[in-house]
Amino acid sequence: MRDVTAVGVAAGSVADLAIGDPARWHPVAGFGALAGALEVRCWRPSRLAGAGYAGVLVAGTAALTVLADRRLRSRPVARAAFAAAVTWAALGGRSLGQAAGALAREVRAGDLDAARRLAPALVGRDPAGMDAPELCRAAVESVAENTADAVVGPLLWGALAGPAGVAAYRAANTLDAMVGHRSARHARFGWAAARLDDALTWPAARLAAGLACLLAPAAGGDPGRAWRTLRRDGAAHPSPNAGRLEAAFAGALGVRLGGRNRYPWQVEERPPLGDGPAPGPDAVARAVRLSRAIGLAAAALATAAAWAGPAAARRLREGKVARGRALAGPRSDHRRSNHRALP
């Protein structure tokens, strides 16, 4: 088997597309339960305490994954299966699409109470009092942002760093969702988790936004409009990553995102992204199609990168060795000349 990482990325992507998240015993949920229990013991109104909390959990998750991967080094099939399982557990594209689609169907049917009950699976906002356009806007924004967080991010870090990269990224992203917000309790304690997630998601968000523009026709959109909206509005959002995705999706779908978001801890006014009307159920369905297309493209790119990576590294090492030999000259002549120079 040429490269188990490439096989793991590809197989994990197929597993998420085919079966989605497990209904019970999800590893990410188990990590969240552990992180929640530890947060109760470690919490202090301190950035330093929060940095230690995030560092221990993310580094510990990565270390355990590296250890498990090394124990399987002599068993390539089992090692590839482990990489696939880690990738599958970290991905959430199918579940994201299902949750958004279910909310859109309830809005289309006119059952806003049912749609509000489904909203917490997608967003952290207070769903009470949200009307149909607000519910659909929340769904589109969640699909856009989580296309980086739950789809492209794990694939990118899997291609770059193998199963340990996937696990560390998912751990950081989960901690950001748990403590990385601006509530009174977590404004300082969650600062490190939020910044770490921002840093790790930065390349994934830009890759996903670029793919959203390129693949806009998959959702009936115009790539040029998506790109112009991304360039114009992407930096207006308070998040350095979510804004890029939301702006690209707004342009691709021809809708207007942003507005007032009510969270349990505060109300935020988000800048407008895009020029079109408020999204409705059809826009939510198109956002899911676009997210799925981005996921397929990202899986193909990540698999190719993981497959080509070892070969490229070998060529780089061989090139350095060859250049070193050329600079040193023929070894045997060099040794003889030194020997003759001795008294």
Foldseek 3Di string as FASTA:
>chain_A
DQFLLLLLLLLLLVCCVPPNADPPDQVLVVLLVVLVVVCVVQFDLALVSLLVSLVCSLVVQLVVLVVVLVVCVVPSVVSSVSLNVLSNSQAGLVVLLVLLLVLQVCVVVVNLVVSLVSLVVQDQFNSPPDHQLRSNLSSLLSLLLVLLLRFLLLLQLSLVPNSSRNRSLSSLSSLCVVQVDCAPRRVNSNVNSVVVNLVSSLVSLVLLLLLLLVVLVLLPFHSVQLVVLLVPFQVQFPRVRSSNRSLSLCSSLQEKHFAWTHHPRGIDGGDIGHDHYRDHSSSSNSSSSSSVVSNVVSSVVSSVSSSCVVVVVVVVVVVVVVVVDVVVDDPVVVVVVVVVPDD
